[in-house]
Amino acid sequence: MPVTLVRHTQPDVAVDVCYGSTDLGLAESFADEAADVLAALRHCDVLLSSPLLRCRQLAELIADRFSVATCCFPAHCFAAG
């Protein structure tokens, strides 16, 4: 089974700022970047996402397009340590 990994779009943060697990809003370019991602995806059966806004909003668009549920892992699953 093929697996496709999609990184979130650009968050609303200055260039070269390390934002880690901070839950940031999305850059003004979100709609254009999301459209590019949706155009590139051909299929989706299962969708897993971080609960962070920058990931979740893109995941929701993908889920709507392919009529699949989004499974957001609890934030503590992504914590370092």
C-alpha atoms as a PDB file:
ATOM      1  CA  MET A   1       0.000   0.000   0.000  1.00  0.00           C
ATOM      2  CA  PRO A   2       1.499   3.359  -0.996  1.00  0.00           C
ATOM      3  CA  VAL A   3       1.856   6.019   1.698  1.00  0.00           C
ATOM      4  CA  THR A   4       1.829   9.726   0.897  1.00  0.00           C
ATOM      5  CA  LEU A   5       3.188  12.245   3.378  1.00  0.00           C
ATOM      6  CA  VAL A   6       2.028  15.852   3.124  1.00  0.00           C
ATOM      7  CA  ARG A   7       3.634  18.652   5.082  1.00  0.00           C
ATOM      8  CA  HIS A   8       1.498  21.529   6.337  1.00  0.00           C
ATOM      9  CA  THR A   9       1.407  24.810   4.433  1.00  0.00           C
ATOM     10  CA  GLN A  10       3.365  27.881   5.483  1.00  0.00           C
ATOM     11  CA  PRO A  11       2.366  29.031   8.983  1.00  0.00           C
ATOM     12  CA  ASP A  12       1.983  32.701   9.852  1.00  0.00           C
ATOM     13  CA  VAL A  13       5.504  33.183  11.185  1.00  0.00           C
ATOM     14  CA  ALA A  14       8.572  35.134  10.129  1.00  0.00           C
ATOM     15  CA  VAL A  15      11.113  33.388   7.903  1.00  0.00           C
ATOM     16  CA  ASP A  16      13.858  31.517   9.803  1.00  0.00           C
ATOM     17  CA  VAL A  17      11.859  31.396  13.057  1.00  0.00           C
ATOM     18  CA  CYS A  18      11.828  27.976  14.692  1.00  0.00           C
ATOM     19  CA  TYR A  19       8.217  27.453  15.785  1.00  0.00           C
ATOM     20  CA  GLY A  20       8.307  23.786  16.830  1.00  0.00           C
ATOM     21  CA  SER A  21       5.007  22.675  18.345  1.00  0.00           C
ATOM     22  CA  THR A  22       3.602  26.198  18.757  1.00  0.00           C
ATOM     23  CA  ASP A  23       0.066  26.289  17.358  1.00  0.00           C
ATOM     24  CA  LEU A  24       0.320  29.062  14.788  1.00  0.00           C
ATOM     25  CA  GLY A  25      -2.207  30.473  12.375  1.00  0.00           C
ATOM     26  CA  LEU A  26      -1.835  30.099   8.626  1.00  0.00           C
ATOM     27  CA  ALA A  27      -0.074  32.440   6.220  1.00  0.00           C
ATOM     28  CA  GLU A  28      -2.088  34.451   3.705  1.00  0.00           C
ATOM     29  CA  SER A  29      -0.839  32.024   1.060  1.00  0.00           C
ATOM     30  CA  PHE A  30      -2.807  29.119   2.611  1.00  0.00           C
ATOM     31  CA  ALA A  31      -5.535  28.963  -0.056  1.00  0.00           C
ATOM     32  CA  ASP A  32      -3.029  28.853  -2.916  1.00  0.00           C
ATOM     33  CA  GLU A  33      -0.764  26.336  -1.183  1.00  0.00           C
ATOM     34  CA  ALA A  34      -3.715  24.120  -0.239  1.00  0.00           C
ATOM     35  CA  ALA A  35      -4.982  24.202  -3.832  1.00  0.00           C
ATOM     36  CA  ASP A  36      -1.554  23.009  -5.005  1.00  0.00           C
ATOM     37  CA  VAL A  37      -1.632  20.123  -2.510  1.00  0.00           C
ATOM     38  CA  LEU A  38      -5.160  19.117  -3.515  1.00  0.00           C
ATOM     39  CA  ALA A  39      -4.211  19.225  -7.194  1.00  0.00           C
ATOM     40  CA  ALA A  40      -1.241  16.923  -6.572  1.00  0.00           C
ATOM     41  CA  LEU A  41      -3.120  14.295  -4.544  1.00  0.00           C
ATOM     42  CA  ARG A  42      -4.728  11.504  -6.519  1.00  0.00           C
ATOM     43  CA  HIS A  43      -6.182   9.310  -3.786  1.00  0.00           C
ATOM     44  CA  CYS A  44      -6.697   9.169  -0.027  1.00  0.00           C
ATOM     45  CA  ASP A  45      -8.154   6.300   2.017  1.00  0.00           C
ATOM     46  CA  VAL A  46      -6.880   7.163   5.484  1.00  0.00           C
ATOM     47  CA  LEU A  47      -5.942  10.583   6.812  1.00  0.00           C
ATOM     48  CA  LEU A  48      -3.902  11.123   9.960  1.00  0.00           C
ATOM     49  CA  SER A  49      -3.055  14.611  11.183  1.00  0.00           C
ATOM     50  CA  SER A  50      -1.524  16.551  13.991  1.00  0.00           C
ATOM     51  CA  PRO A  51      -4.163  18.524  15.910  1.00  0.00           C
ATOM     52  CA  LEU A  52      -2.181  21.737  15.339  1.00  0.00           C
ATOM     53  CA  LEU A  53      -4.099  24.312  13.289  1.00  0.00           C
ATOM     54  CA  ARG A  54      -1.517  24.463  10.482  1.00  0.00           C
ATOM     55  CA  CYS A  55      -1.963  20.710   9.939  1.00  0.00           C
ATOM     56  CA  ARG A  56      -5.629  20.289  10.808  1.00  0.00           C
ATOM     57  CA  GLN A  57      -6.993  22.872   8.365  1.00  0.00           C
ATOM     58  CA  LEU A  58      -5.204  21.314   5.409  1.00  0.00           C
ATOM     59  CA  ALA A  59      -6.246  17.843   6.579  1.00  0.00           C
ATOM     60  CA  GLU A  60      -9.891  18.952   6.690  1.00  0.00           C
ATOM     61  CA  LEU A  61      -9.719  20.120   3.067  1.00  0.00           C
ATOM     62  CA  ILE A  62      -8.155  16.823   1.999  1.00  0.00           C
ATOM     63  CA  ALA A  63     -10.779  14.892   3.973  1.00  0.00           C
ATOM     64  CA  ASP A  64     -13.603  16.826   2.307  1.00  0.00           C
ATOM     65  CA  ARG A  65     -12.184  16.238  -1.164  1.00  0.00           C
ATOM     66  CA  PHE A  66     -11.782  12.489  -0.722  1.00  0.00           C
ATOM     67  CA  SER A  67     -14.747  11.929   1.630  1.00  0.00           C
ATOM     68  CA  VAL A  68     -12.652  10.415   4.407  1.00  0.00           C
ATOM     69  CA  ALA A  69     -12.555  11.086   8.127  1.00  0.00           C
ATOM     70  CA  THR A  70      -9.614  12.925   9.657  1.00  0.00           C
ATOM     71  CA  CYS A  71      -7.963  11.285  12.634  1.00  0.00           C
ATOM     72  CA  CYS A  72      -6.117  13.863  14.735  1.00  0.00           C
ATOM     73  CA  PHE A  73      -3.690  12.415  17.212  1.00  0.00           C
ATOM     74  CA  PRO A  74      -3.663  14.009  20.671  1.00  0.00           C
ATOM     75  CA  ALA A  75      -1.045  16.736  20.989  1.00  0.00           C
ATOM     76  CA  HIS A  76       0.934  14.740  23.549  1.00  0.00           C
ATOM     77  CA  CYS A  77       1.714  12.158  20.837  1.00  0.00           C
ATOM     78  CA  PHE A  78       3.929  14.746  19.170  1.00  0.00           C
ATOM     79  CA  ALA A  79       5.653  16.076  22.283  1.00  0.00           C
ATOM     80  CA  ALA A  80       9.397  15.563  22.588  1.00  0.00           C
ATOM     81  CA  GLY A  81      10.651  13.485  25.422  1.00  0.00           C
END
